[in-house]
Amino acid sequence: MMKNNLFASKKKSNSILREIIEWIKTFAITFILVLFIFGNIISTTGVKGPSMEPNFFEGDRVFIYNLGYYFSEPKRGDIVILSKYYSDKGLIINTITVAKDLINNISNMITKNIEVKYIVKRVIGIPGDTIDIKDGYVYLNGNRLEENYVKGQTLERLGLSYPITIPENKVFVLGDNREESLDSRDLGLASYDQIKGKVILRLLPISRFGKID
């Protein structure tokens, strides 16, 4: 009788262990799938700083379409998320990058050491365009841009010499708050490899929820 009880107890323990393992496997697969989606298809991010005012403000939450430039190239006027650093791309690499970003974000929350790795900017010039900046305005292919969405004047910085013609696989980006933005005037032209995705929707605040034109 005691032997049967021990056998039943062992069988029950094995059953519980198998169930725990199955739960762990399910969680791991789900977690990897979520990382894959956020790395390669869709993701969200928060806006930091005033560089995109008056159109995006600190704390705004935006929806990013990461596949946006797998099938097409950036267009003038697109709002994009850029990595400040060059990085390789690929389905697996993107997934690993998201995992690293998650770990870094958790670490930063604990240490209070906030590192801004991604920036939100507007595409102004694409390959073949000639950009000039003078008298506080941007000139695209010889014509002054009518930019009713900007705040402040657009002044030259030390990053580039003007006029400049955009080469292949590069874009010229600016923040909408021209006097408070770190952009191509400081960092130089952005490579396609630096573009994480296209901002297509504002999620928060709810009062300003909507599609990004």
N, C-alpha and C. Protein backbone atom coordinates (compact mmCIF):
# COMPACT_ATOMS: atom_id res chain seq x y z
N MET A 1 0.84 -1.21 0.00
CA MET A 1 0.00 0.00 0.00
C MET A 1 0.87 1.26 0.00
N MET A 2 1.92 1.22 0.88
CA MET A 2 2.83 2.36 0.94
C MET A 2 3.55 2.56 -0.39
N LYS A 3 3.85 1.42 -1.04
CA LYS A 3 4.53 1.47 -2.34
C LYS A 3 3.65 2.16 -3.37
N ASN A 4 2.36 1.83 -3.36
CA ASN A 4 1.41 2.45 -4.30
C ASN A 4 1.29 3.95 -4.05
N ASN A 5 1.28 4.34 -2.75
CA ASN A 5 1.19 5.77 -2.41
C ASN A 5 2.40 6.54 -2.90
N LEU A 6 3.59 5.91 -2.73
CA LEU A 6 4.83 6.56 -3.19
C LEU A 6 4.81 6.72 -4.71
N PHE A 7 4.35 5.65 -5.37
CA PHE A 7 4.28 5.69 -6.84
C PHE A 7 3.32 6.78 -7.31
N ALA A 8 2.15 6.87 -6.64
CA ALA A 8 1.16 7.89 -7.00
C ALA A 8 1.70 9.29 -6.75
N SER A 9 2.41 9.43 -5.61
CA SER A 9 2.98 10.74 -5.26
C SER A 9 4.04 11.16 -6.27
N LYS A 10 4.88 10.20 -6.66
CA LYS A 10 5.93 10.48 -7.65
C LYS A 10 5.32 10.84 -9.01
N LYS A 11 4.28 10.11 -9.36
CA LYS A 11 3.59 10.36 -10.64
C LYS A 11 2.97 11.75 -10.65
N LYS A 12 2.40 12.14 -9.51
CA LYS A 12 1.79 13.48 -9.40
C LYS A 12 2.85 14.57 -9.50
N SER A 13 4.00 14.33 -8.84
CA SER A 13 5.11 15.31 -8.88
C SER A 13 5.62 15.48 -10.30
N ASN A 14 5.76 14.34 -11.01
CA ASN A 14 6.22 14.39 -12.40
C ASN A 14 5.23 15.14 -13.27
N SER A 15 3.94 14.94 -13.01
CA SER A 15 2.90 15.62 -13.77
C SER A 15 2.95 17.13 -13.55
N ILE A 16 3.15 17.54 -12.29
CA ILE A 16 3.26 18.97 -11.97
C ILE A 16 4.50 19.56 -12.63
N LEU A 17 5.62 18.81 -12.59
CA LEU A 17 6.87 19.28 -13.19
C LEU A 17 6.71 19.47 -14.69
N ARG A 18 6.05 18.48 -15.34
CA ARG A 18 5.82 18.59 -16.78
C ARG A 18 4.95 19.80 -17.11
N GLU A 19 3.96 20.05 -16.27
CA GLU A 19 3.07 21.19 -16.48
C GLU A 19 3.83 22.51 -16.35
N ILE A 20 4.72 22.56 -15.35
CA ILE A 20 5.54 23.77 -15.16
C ILE A 20 6.44 24.00 -16.36
N ILE A 21 7.05 22.91 -16.85
CA ILE A 21 7.93 23.02 -18.02
C ILE A 21 7.16 23.50 -19.25
N GLU A 22 5.94 22.98 -19.41
CA GLU A 22 5.11 23.40 -20.54
C GLU A 22 4.76 24.89 -20.44
N TRP A 23 4.45 25.35 -19.22
CA TRP A 23 4.17 26.77 -19.02
C TRP A 23 5.39 27.63 -19.34
N ILE A 24 6.56 27.19 -18.92
CA ILE A 24 7.80 27.92 -19.20
C ILE A 24 8.06 27.98 -20.70
N LYS A 25 7.86 26.83 -21.37
CA LYS A 25 8.07 26.79 -22.83
C LYS A 25 7.09 27.73 -23.54
N THR A 26 5.83 27.69 -23.11
CA THR A 26 4.81 28.56 -23.72
C THR A 26 5.15 30.03 -23.52
N PHE A 27 5.57 30.37 -22.30
CA PHE A 27 5.95 31.75 -22.00
C PHE A 27 7.15 32.19 -22.84
N ALA A 28 8.16 31.30 -22.94
CA ALA A 28 9.36 31.63 -23.71
C ALA A 28 9.04 31.86 -25.18
N ILE A 29 8.23 30.98 -25.76
CA ILE A 29 7.86 31.12 -27.17
C ILE A 29 7.06 32.40 -27.40
N THR A 30 6.12 32.67 -26.49
CA THR A 30 5.31 33.89 -26.60
C THR A 30 6.18 35.13 -26.49
N PHE A 31 7.12 35.10 -25.55
CA PHE A 31 8.02 36.25 -25.34
C PHE A 31 8.88 36.49 -26.58
N ILE A 32 9.42 35.43 -27.15
CA ILE A 32 10.24 35.56 -28.36
C ILE A 32 9.40 36.08 -29.53
N LEU A 33 8.17 35.60 -29.63
CA LEU A 33 7.26 36.05 -30.69
C LEU A 33 6.97 37.54 -30.55
N VAL A 34 6.73 37.99 -29.32
CA VAL A 34 6.48 39.42 -29.07
C VAL A 34 7.70 40.25 -29.45
N LEU A 35 8.90 39.78 -29.07
CA LEU A 35 10.13 40.49 -29.43
C LEU A 35 10.29 40.56 -30.95
N PHE A 36 9.95 39.45 -31.63
CA PHE A 36 10.04 39.42 -33.09
C PHE A 36 9.10 40.45 -33.72
N ILE A 37 7.88 40.51 -33.22
CA ILE A 37 6.89 41.46 -33.76
C ILE A 37 7.35 42.89 -33.52
N PHE A 38 7.79 43.18 -32.29
CA PHE A 38 8.21 44.54 -31.97
C PHE A 38 9.52 44.91 -32.66
N GLY A 39 10.31 43.93 -33.03
CA GLY A 39 11.56 44.22 -33.72
C GLY A 39 11.41 44.37 -35.22
N ASN A 40 10.39 43.73 -35.79
CA ASN A 40 10.32 43.67 -37.24
C ASN A 40 9.02 44.16 -37.86
N ILE A 41 7.95 44.25 -37.10
CA ILE A 41 6.66 44.59 -37.70
C ILE A 41 6.08 45.88 -37.14
N ILE A 42 5.75 45.89 -35.87
CA ILE A 42 5.18 47.08 -35.25
C ILE A 42 5.83 47.31 -33.88
N SER A 43 5.80 48.54 -33.42
CA SER A 43 6.28 48.85 -32.08
C SER A 43 5.75 50.21 -31.66
N THR A 44 5.99 50.57 -30.43
CA THR A 44 5.60 51.89 -29.95
C THR A 44 6.78 52.52 -29.23
N THR A 45 6.76 53.84 -29.13
CA THR A 45 7.80 54.53 -28.37
C THR A 45 7.25 55.85 -27.86
N GLY A 46 7.91 56.38 -26.86
CA GLY A 46 7.52 57.67 -26.31
C GLY A 46 8.40 58.77 -26.85
N VAL A 47 7.83 59.94 -27.03
CA VAL A 47 8.58 61.11 -27.50
C VAL A 47 9.30 61.74 -26.32
N LYS A 48 10.59 62.00 -26.49
CA LYS A 48 11.39 62.64 -25.45
C LYS A 48 11.84 64.01 -25.92
N GLY A 49 11.69 65.00 -25.07
CA GLY A 49 12.19 66.33 -25.38
C GLY A 49 11.28 67.14 -26.28
N PRO A 50 11.69 68.39 -26.57
CA PRO A 50 10.84 69.33 -27.31
C PRO A 50 11.14 69.42 -28.80
N SER A 51 11.98 68.54 -29.34
CA SER A 51 12.49 68.75 -30.70
C SER A 51 11.45 68.67 -31.80
N MET A 52 10.27 68.04 -31.52
CA MET A 52 9.25 67.93 -32.56
C MET A 52 8.03 68.81 -32.29
N GLU A 53 8.13 69.69 -31.30
CA GLU A 53 7.03 70.64 -31.08
C GLU A 53 6.91 71.57 -32.28
N PRO A 54 5.73 72.00 -32.64
CA PRO A 54 4.45 71.91 -31.92
C PRO A 54 3.58 70.71 -32.33
N ASN A 55 4.19 69.73 -33.01
CA ASN A 55 3.40 68.60 -33.51
C ASN A 55 3.47 67.36 -32.62
N PHE A 56 4.56 67.21 -31.90
CA PHE A 56 4.71 66.12 -30.93
C PHE A 56 5.34 66.70 -29.67
N PHE A 57 4.83 66.26 -28.52
CA PHE A 57 5.29 66.81 -27.26
C PHE A 57 5.87 65.71 -26.38
N GLU A 58 6.67 66.11 -25.41
CA GLU A 58 7.22 65.19 -24.42
C GLU A 58 6.10 64.33 -23.84
N GLY A 59 6.30 63.01 -23.87
CA GLY A 59 5.30 62.10 -23.31
C GLY A 59 4.31 61.55 -24.32
N ASP A 60 4.25 62.13 -25.51
CA ASP A 60 3.39 61.54 -26.55
C ASP A 60 3.84 60.11 -26.83
N ARG A 61 2.87 59.24 -27.07
CA ARG A 61 3.18 57.84 -27.41
C ARG A 61 2.78 57.61 -28.86
N VAL A 62 3.71 57.08 -29.65
CA VAL A 62 3.45 56.91 -31.08
C VAL A 62 3.60 55.45 -31.49
N PHE A 63 2.91 55.11 -32.57
CA PHE A 63 2.89 53.76 -33.13
C PHE A 63 3.80 53.74 -34.35
N ILE A 64 4.71 52.78 -34.39
CA ILE A 64 5.72 52.72 -35.45
C ILE A 64 5.47 51.49 -36.33
N TYR A 65 5.49 51.72 -37.64
CA TYR A 65 5.39 50.62 -38.60
C TYR A 65 6.80 50.28 -39.04
N ASN A 66 7.35 49.20 -38.48
CA ASN A 66 8.75 48.86 -38.74
C ASN A 66 8.98 48.30 -40.14
N LEU A 67 7.92 47.80 -40.76
CA LEU A 67 8.05 47.26 -42.12
C LEU A 67 7.94 48.34 -43.19
N GLY A 68 7.71 49.57 -42.74
CA GLY A 68 7.43 50.66 -43.67
C GLY A 68 8.43 50.84 -44.78
N TYR A 69 9.71 50.60 -44.48
CA TYR A 69 10.74 50.86 -45.49
C TYR A 69 11.42 49.58 -45.99
N TYR A 70 10.79 48.44 -45.72
CA TYR A 70 11.27 47.21 -46.34
C TYR A 70 10.82 47.14 -47.79
N PHE A 71 9.67 47.74 -48.08
CA PHE A 71 9.08 47.64 -49.42
C PHE A 71 9.07 48.97 -50.16
N SER A 72 9.44 50.05 -49.49
CA SER A 72 9.49 51.36 -50.14
C SER A 72 10.55 52.22 -49.47
N GLU A 73 10.91 53.31 -50.11
CA GLU A 73 11.94 54.19 -49.56
C GLU A 73 11.28 55.36 -48.83
N PRO A 74 12.02 56.00 -47.94
CA PRO A 74 11.47 57.16 -47.22
C PRO A 74 11.03 58.26 -48.19
N LYS A 75 9.98 58.96 -47.82
CA LYS A 75 9.47 60.06 -48.64
C LYS A 75 9.58 61.37 -47.85
N ARG A 76 9.63 62.46 -48.58
CA ARG A 76 9.66 63.76 -47.93
C ARG A 76 8.42 63.93 -47.06
N GLY A 77 8.61 64.43 -45.87
CA GLY A 77 7.50 64.65 -44.97
C GLY A 77 7.23 63.50 -44.02
N ASP A 78 7.82 62.32 -44.27
CA ASP A 78 7.63 61.18 -43.37
C ASP A 78 8.20 61.51 -41.99
N ILE A 79 7.48 61.09 -40.95
CA ILE A 79 8.00 61.17 -39.59
C ILE A 79 8.60 59.81 -39.28
N VAL A 80 9.89 59.79 -38.95
CA VAL A 80 10.59 58.52 -38.77
C VAL A 80 11.26 58.43 -37.40
N ILE A 81 11.46 57.19 -36.98
CA ILE A 81 12.25 56.91 -35.79
C ILE A 81 13.64 56.50 -36.26
N LEU A 82 14.64 57.21 -35.76
CA LEU A 82 16.02 56.96 -36.16
C LEU A 82 16.85 56.48 -34.99
N SER A 83 17.72 55.53 -35.24
CA SER A 83 18.74 55.19 -34.26
C SER A 83 19.88 56.20 -34.43
N LYS A 84 20.42 56.67 -33.33
CA LYS A 84 21.52 57.61 -33.40
C LYS A 84 22.80 56.92 -33.86
N TYR A 85 22.78 55.58 -33.91
CA TYR A 85 23.97 54.82 -34.27
C TYR A 85 23.67 53.90 -35.45
N TYR A 86 24.70 53.64 -36.24
CA TYR A 86 24.56 52.69 -37.34
C TYR A 86 24.45 51.28 -36.76
N SER A 87 23.63 50.45 -37.40
CA SER A 87 23.49 49.07 -36.93
C SER A 87 23.06 48.18 -38.09
N ASP A 88 23.45 46.91 -37.98
CA ASP A 88 23.02 45.94 -38.98
C ASP A 88 21.54 45.66 -38.81
N LYS A 89 20.92 45.18 -39.88
CA LYS A 89 19.49 44.85 -39.83
C LYS A 89 19.26 43.43 -40.31
N GLY A 90 18.16 42.88 -39.90
CA GLY A 90 17.78 41.51 -40.25
C GLY A 90 16.76 41.03 -39.25
N LEU A 91 15.99 40.02 -39.60
CA LEU A 91 14.91 39.55 -38.74
C LEU A 91 15.42 39.13 -37.36
N ILE A 92 16.51 38.38 -37.34
CA ILE A 92 17.06 37.92 -36.07
C ILE A 92 17.75 39.06 -35.33
N ILE A 93 18.53 39.85 -36.07
CA ILE A 93 19.25 40.97 -35.45
C ILE A 93 18.27 41.97 -34.83
N ASN A 94 17.19 42.27 -35.55
CA ASN A 94 16.20 43.21 -35.03
C ASN A 94 15.55 42.69 -33.74
N THR A 95 15.30 41.37 -33.71
CA THR A 95 14.70 40.76 -32.53
C THR A 95 15.66 40.85 -31.33
N ILE A 96 16.93 40.57 -31.58
CA ILE A 96 17.94 40.65 -30.52
C ILE A 96 18.09 42.10 -30.03
N THR A 97 18.04 43.05 -30.97
CA THR A 97 18.16 44.45 -30.61
C THR A 97 17.04 44.90 -29.67
N VAL A 98 15.81 44.45 -29.97
CA VAL A 98 14.68 44.79 -29.10
C VAL A 98 14.88 44.21 -27.71
N ALA A 99 15.39 42.97 -27.64
CA ALA A 99 15.65 42.34 -26.34
C ALA A 99 16.69 43.14 -25.57
N LYS A 100 17.74 43.58 -26.25
CA LYS A 100 18.78 44.39 -25.60
C LYS A 100 18.21 45.74 -25.13
N ASP A 101 17.37 46.34 -25.96
CA ASP A 101 16.75 47.61 -25.59
C ASP A 101 15.89 47.45 -24.34
N LEU A 102 15.17 46.33 -24.27
CA LEU A 102 14.32 46.06 -23.11
C LEU A 102 15.16 45.95 -21.84
N ILE A 103 16.27 45.20 -21.93
CA ILE A 103 17.17 45.05 -20.78
C ILE A 103 17.77 46.40 -20.38
N ASN A 104 18.18 47.19 -21.39
CA ASN A 104 18.76 48.51 -21.10
C ASN A 104 17.74 49.43 -20.45
N ASN A 105 16.49 49.37 -20.93
CA ASN A 105 15.44 50.23 -20.35
C ASN A 105 15.18 49.89 -18.89
N ILE A 106 15.17 48.58 -18.59
CA ILE A 106 14.97 48.16 -17.20
C ILE A 106 16.14 48.63 -16.34
N SER A 107 17.36 48.47 -16.89
CA SER A 107 18.55 48.92 -16.17
C SER A 107 18.54 50.42 -15.94
N ASN A 108 18.12 51.17 -16.98
CA ASN A 108 18.07 52.63 -16.86
C ASN A 108 17.05 53.08 -15.82
N MET A 109 15.92 52.35 -15.75
CA MET A 109 14.90 52.68 -14.77
C MET A 109 15.43 52.51 -13.35
N ILE A 110 16.28 51.50 -13.17
CA ILE A 110 16.84 51.22 -11.84
C ILE A 110 17.92 52.23 -11.49
N THR A 111 18.80 52.51 -12.47
CA THR A 111 19.95 53.39 -12.21
C THR A 111 19.63 54.87 -12.43
N LYS A 112 18.45 55.14 -13.04
CA LYS A 112 18.05 56.51 -13.38
C LYS A 112 18.99 57.14 -14.42
N ASN A 113 19.71 56.28 -15.14
CA ASN A 113 20.62 56.74 -16.17
C ASN A 113 19.93 56.63 -17.53
N ILE A 114 19.28 57.71 -17.96
CA ILE A 114 18.47 57.67 -19.18
C ILE A 114 19.34 57.93 -20.40
N GLU A 115 19.36 56.95 -21.31
CA GLU A 115 20.09 57.10 -22.57
C GLU A 115 19.09 57.18 -23.72
N VAL A 116 19.19 58.25 -24.50
CA VAL A 116 18.30 58.40 -25.66
C VAL A 116 18.98 57.77 -26.87
N LYS A 117 18.47 56.62 -27.28
CA LYS A 117 19.06 55.88 -28.40
C LYS A 117 18.35 56.18 -29.70
N TYR A 118 17.04 56.46 -29.61
CA TYR A 118 16.24 56.72 -30.81
C TYR A 118 15.71 58.15 -30.79
N ILE A 119 15.61 58.75 -31.96
CA ILE A 119 15.09 60.11 -32.07
C ILE A 119 13.99 60.16 -33.14
N VAL A 120 13.06 61.08 -32.95
CA VAL A 120 11.95 61.26 -33.89
C VAL A 120 12.24 62.50 -34.75
N LYS A 121 12.21 62.33 -36.07
CA LYS A 121 12.51 63.44 -36.96
C LYS A 121 11.63 63.39 -38.21
N ARG A 122 11.66 64.48 -38.95
CA ARG A 122 10.91 64.57 -40.20
C ARG A 122 11.89 64.52 -41.39
N VAL A 123 11.56 63.70 -42.37
CA VAL A 123 12.39 63.62 -43.58
C VAL A 123 12.14 64.86 -44.44
N ILE A 124 13.21 65.58 -44.73
CA ILE A 124 13.11 66.79 -45.55
C ILE A 124 13.68 66.57 -46.94
N GLY A 125 14.80 65.85 -47.01
CA GLY A 125 15.44 65.59 -48.30
C GLY A 125 15.72 64.13 -48.50
N ILE A 126 15.53 63.64 -49.73
CA ILE A 126 15.77 62.24 -50.10
C ILE A 126 16.86 62.19 -51.16
N PRO A 127 17.36 61.00 -51.51
CA PRO A 127 18.44 60.91 -52.49
C PRO A 127 18.14 61.68 -53.78
N GLY A 128 19.13 62.48 -54.20
CA GLY A 128 18.99 63.30 -55.42
C GLY A 128 18.59 64.73 -55.13
N ASP A 129 18.01 65.00 -53.96
CA ASP A 129 17.60 66.36 -53.59
C ASP A 129 18.82 67.20 -53.21
N THR A 130 18.70 68.49 -53.46
CA THR A 130 19.71 69.45 -53.00
C THR A 130 19.08 70.33 -51.93
N ILE A 131 19.71 70.34 -50.76
CA ILE A 131 19.21 71.09 -49.62
C ILE A 131 20.10 72.30 -49.35
N ASP A 132 19.47 73.44 -49.12
CA ASP A 132 20.21 74.63 -48.72
C ASP A 132 19.48 75.26 -47.54
N ILE A 133 20.22 75.90 -46.67
CA ILE A 133 19.64 76.61 -45.54
C ILE A 133 20.21 78.03 -45.53
N LYS A 134 19.32 79.00 -45.59
CA LYS A 134 19.76 80.40 -45.55
C LYS A 134 18.61 81.30 -45.12
N ASP A 135 18.99 82.36 -44.43
CA ASP A 135 18.00 83.36 -43.97
C ASP A 135 16.91 82.74 -43.10
N GLY A 136 17.23 81.63 -42.42
CA GLY A 136 16.26 81.02 -41.51
C GLY A 136 15.28 80.08 -42.18
N TYR A 137 15.50 79.76 -43.45
CA TYR A 137 14.58 78.88 -44.19
C TYR A 137 15.32 77.72 -44.84
N VAL A 138 14.55 76.69 -45.21
CA VAL A 138 15.09 75.55 -45.94
C VAL A 138 14.71 75.68 -47.41
N TYR A 139 15.70 75.43 -48.28
CA TYR A 139 15.46 75.45 -49.72
C TYR A 139 15.66 74.05 -50.26
N LEU A 140 14.66 73.55 -50.96
CA LEU A 140 14.69 72.22 -51.56
C LEU A 140 14.76 72.36 -53.07
N ASN A 141 15.87 71.90 -53.65
CA ASN A 141 16.08 71.98 -55.11
C ASN A 141 15.86 73.40 -55.63
N GLY A 142 16.34 74.36 -54.87
CA GLY A 142 16.28 75.76 -55.28
C GLY A 142 15.04 76.51 -54.88
N ASN A 143 14.05 75.82 -54.34
CA ASN A 143 12.79 76.47 -53.95
C ASN A 143 12.63 76.48 -52.44
N ARG A 144 12.23 77.62 -51.92
CA ARG A 144 12.05 77.73 -50.47
C ARG A 144 10.83 76.91 -50.04
N LEU A 145 11.02 76.08 -49.02
CA LEU A 145 9.92 75.26 -48.53
C LEU A 145 8.95 76.10 -47.70
N GLU A 146 7.68 75.87 -47.93
CA GLU A 146 6.65 76.50 -47.10
C GLU A 146 6.31 75.50 -45.99
N GLU A 147 6.88 75.73 -44.83
CA GLU A 147 6.74 74.78 -43.74
C GLU A 147 5.89 75.38 -42.61
N ASN A 148 4.61 75.28 -42.76
CA ASN A 148 3.72 75.86 -41.74
C ASN A 148 3.62 75.01 -40.48
N TYR A 149 4.35 73.90 -40.44
CA TYR A 149 4.31 73.00 -39.29
C TYR A 149 5.49 73.24 -38.33
N VAL A 150 6.41 74.15 -38.67
CA VAL A 150 7.63 74.29 -37.86
C VAL A 150 7.49 75.38 -36.80
N LYS A 151 8.38 75.28 -35.82
CA LYS A 151 8.48 76.27 -34.75
C LYS A 151 9.89 76.84 -34.79
N GLY A 152 10.00 78.16 -34.89
CA GLY A 152 11.31 78.80 -34.92
C GLY A 152 11.93 78.84 -36.31
N GLN A 153 13.11 79.46 -36.37
CA GLN A 153 13.84 79.58 -37.64
C GLN A 153 14.76 78.38 -37.84
N THR A 154 15.03 78.07 -39.10
CA THR A 154 15.97 77.00 -39.43
C THR A 154 17.32 77.63 -39.71
N LEU A 155 18.26 77.43 -38.80
CA LEU A 155 19.58 78.03 -38.93
C LEU A 155 20.63 76.95 -39.18
N GLU A 156 21.70 77.35 -39.85
CA GLU A 156 22.78 76.40 -40.11
C GLU A 156 23.47 76.00 -38.81
N ARG A 157 24.06 74.81 -38.83
CA ARG A 157 24.90 74.35 -37.73
C ARG A 157 26.24 73.89 -38.31
N LEU A 158 27.08 73.32 -37.48
CA LEU A 158 28.42 72.95 -37.91
C LEU A 158 28.50 71.58 -38.57
N GLY A 159 27.41 70.81 -38.55
CA GLY A 159 27.46 69.44 -39.03
C GLY A 159 27.65 69.28 -40.53
N LEU A 160 27.09 70.20 -41.33
CA LEU A 160 27.13 70.09 -42.80
C LEU A 160 27.44 71.44 -43.43
N SER A 161 27.91 71.37 -44.67
CA SER A 161 28.11 72.58 -45.47
C SER A 161 27.03 72.60 -46.56
N TYR A 162 26.49 73.78 -46.83
CA TYR A 162 25.38 73.91 -47.77
C TYR A 162 25.79 74.74 -48.98
N PRO A 163 25.10 74.49 -50.13
CA PRO A 163 24.08 73.47 -50.37
C PRO A 163 24.69 72.07 -50.40
N ILE A 164 23.86 71.08 -50.13
CA ILE A 164 24.32 69.69 -50.13
C ILE A 164 23.34 68.84 -50.92
N THR A 165 23.89 67.97 -51.76
CA THR A 165 23.05 67.04 -52.53
C THR A 165 23.04 65.69 -51.82
N ILE A 166 21.86 65.14 -51.61
CA ILE A 166 21.71 63.90 -50.84
C ILE A 166 22.10 62.70 -51.70
N PRO A 167 23.06 61.90 -51.23
CA PRO A 167 23.46 60.70 -51.99
C PRO A 167 22.48 59.54 -51.79
N GLU A 168 22.74 58.46 -52.48
CA GLU A 168 21.90 57.26 -52.35
C GLU A 168 21.90 56.73 -50.92
N ASN A 169 20.76 56.20 -50.51
CA ASN A 169 20.61 55.56 -49.20
C ASN A 169 20.82 56.50 -48.02
N LYS A 170 20.61 57.78 -48.25
CA LYS A 170 20.72 58.78 -47.18
C LYS A 170 19.49 59.69 -47.20
N VAL A 171 19.19 60.28 -46.06
CA VAL A 171 18.12 61.28 -45.98
C VAL A 171 18.59 62.44 -45.12
N PHE A 172 18.01 63.60 -45.38
CA PHE A 172 18.25 64.78 -44.57
C PHE A 172 17.03 64.97 -43.68
N VAL A 173 17.24 64.97 -42.36
CA VAL A 173 16.11 65.05 -41.43
C VAL A 173 16.25 66.27 -40.52
N LEU A 174 15.11 66.80 -40.14
CA LEU A 174 15.06 67.92 -39.21
C LEU A 174 13.96 67.69 -38.18
N GLY A 175 14.13 68.29 -37.01
CA GLY A 175 13.05 68.34 -36.04
C GLY A 175 12.14 69.50 -36.38
N ASP A 176 10.87 69.42 -36.01
CA ASP A 176 9.94 70.51 -36.31
C ASP A 176 10.21 71.75 -35.47
N ASN A 177 10.79 71.56 -34.29
CA ASN A 177 11.18 72.68 -33.44
C ASN A 177 12.62 73.04 -33.79
N ARG A 178 12.79 73.85 -34.82
CA ARG A 178 14.07 74.02 -35.46
C ARG A 178 15.18 74.59 -34.57
N GLU A 179 14.82 75.31 -33.55
CA GLU A 179 15.84 75.91 -32.69
C GLU A 179 16.15 75.03 -31.48
N GLU A 180 15.44 73.90 -31.34
CA GLU A 180 15.63 73.01 -30.19
C GLU A 180 15.75 71.56 -30.64
N SER A 181 16.37 71.34 -31.79
CA SER A 181 16.41 69.98 -32.33
C SER A 181 17.83 69.56 -32.70
N LEU A 182 18.18 68.33 -32.30
CA LEU A 182 19.41 67.69 -32.73
C LEU A 182 19.07 66.87 -33.97
N ASP A 183 19.59 67.24 -35.14
CA ASP A 183 19.19 66.59 -36.38
C ASP A 183 20.33 66.58 -37.38
N SER A 184 20.02 66.52 -38.68
CA SER A 184 21.07 66.41 -39.70
C SER A 184 22.01 67.60 -39.71
N ARG A 185 21.56 68.73 -39.21
CA ARG A 185 22.45 69.89 -39.14
C ARG A 185 23.61 69.65 -38.19
N ASP A 186 23.39 68.77 -37.21
CA ASP A 186 24.43 68.45 -36.22
C ASP A 186 25.05 67.09 -36.47
N LEU A 187 24.21 66.10 -36.79
CA LEU A 187 24.64 64.71 -36.87
C LEU A 187 25.01 64.26 -38.27
N GLY A 188 24.72 65.11 -39.27
CA GLY A 188 24.96 64.72 -40.65
C GLY A 188 23.78 63.97 -41.23
N LEU A 189 23.91 63.53 -42.45
CA LEU A 189 22.83 62.80 -43.12
C LEU A 189 22.59 61.46 -42.44
N ALA A 190 21.33 61.06 -42.40
CA ALA A 190 20.97 59.78 -41.78
C ALA A 190 20.94 58.68 -42.84
N SER A 191 21.51 57.55 -42.51
CA SER A 191 21.51 56.40 -43.41
C SER A 191 20.19 55.65 -43.32
N TYR A 192 19.80 55.00 -44.40
CA TYR A 192 18.62 54.14 -44.36
C TYR A 192 18.73 53.11 -43.23
N ASP A 193 19.97 52.65 -42.96
CA ASP A 193 20.18 51.64 -41.93
C ASP A 193 19.84 52.16 -40.53
N GLN A 194 19.81 53.47 -40.38
CA GLN A 194 19.49 54.06 -39.08
C GLN A 194 17.98 54.20 -38.85
N ILE A 195 17.19 54.03 -39.90
CA ILE A 195 15.75 54.22 -39.79
C ILE A 195 15.10 52.96 -39.22
N LYS A 196 14.51 53.10 -38.05
CA LYS A 196 13.83 51.97 -37.40
C LYS A 196 12.45 51.75 -37.99
N GLY A 197 11.75 52.82 -38.33
CA GLY A 197 10.42 52.69 -38.89
C GLY A 197 9.75 54.03 -39.08
N LYS A 198 8.53 53.96 -39.58
CA LYS A 198 7.74 55.17 -39.86
C LYS A 198 6.65 55.34 -38.80
N VAL A 199 6.54 56.56 -38.28
CA VAL A 199 5.48 56.87 -37.32
C VAL A 199 4.18 57.06 -38.09
N ILE A 200 3.17 56.24 -37.77
CA ILE A 200 1.91 56.32 -38.52
C ILE A 200 0.71 56.68 -37.66
N LEU A 201 0.88 56.64 -36.32
CA LEU A 201 -0.26 56.87 -35.46
C LEU A 201 0.20 57.42 -34.12
N ARG A 202 -0.56 58.40 -33.61
CA ARG A 202 -0.33 58.87 -32.24
C ARG A 202 -1.31 58.14 -31.33
N LEU A 203 -0.79 57.46 -30.31
CA LEU A 203 -1.63 56.70 -29.39
C LEU A 203 -2.04 57.53 -28.18
N LEU A 204 -1.10 58.27 -27.64
CA LEU A 204 -1.34 59.10 -26.47
C LEU A 204 -0.75 60.49 -26.68
N PRO A 205 -1.39 61.51 -26.10
CA PRO A 205 -2.60 61.44 -25.27
C PRO A 205 -3.85 61.12 -26.10
N ILE A 206 -4.85 60.57 -25.43
CA ILE A 206 -6.09 60.17 -26.11
C ILE A 206 -6.73 61.37 -26.83
N SER A 207 -6.59 62.56 -26.25
CA SER A 207 -7.20 63.75 -26.85
C SER A 207 -6.60 64.09 -28.20
N ARG A 208 -5.40 63.56 -28.49
CA ARG A 208 -4.74 63.84 -29.77
C ARG A 208 -4.51 62.56 -30.56
N PHE A 209 -5.25 61.52 -30.19
CA PHE A 209 -5.12 60.23 -30.90
C PHE A 209 -5.48 60.41 -32.37
N GLY A 210 -4.67 59.79 -33.23
CA GLY A 210 -5.01 59.87 -34.65
C GLY A 210 -3.87 59.53 -35.57
N LYS A 211 -4.18 59.39 -36.82
CA LYS A 211 -3.22 59.05 -37.86
C LYS A 211 -2.27 60.21 -38.11
N ILE A 212 -1.01 59.87 -38.39
CA ILE A 212 -0.01 60.88 -38.71
C ILE A 212 0.07 61.03 -40.22
N ASP A 213 -0.22 62.22 -40.73
CA ASP A 213 -0.17 62.44 -42.18
C ASP A 213 1.25 62.71 -42.63
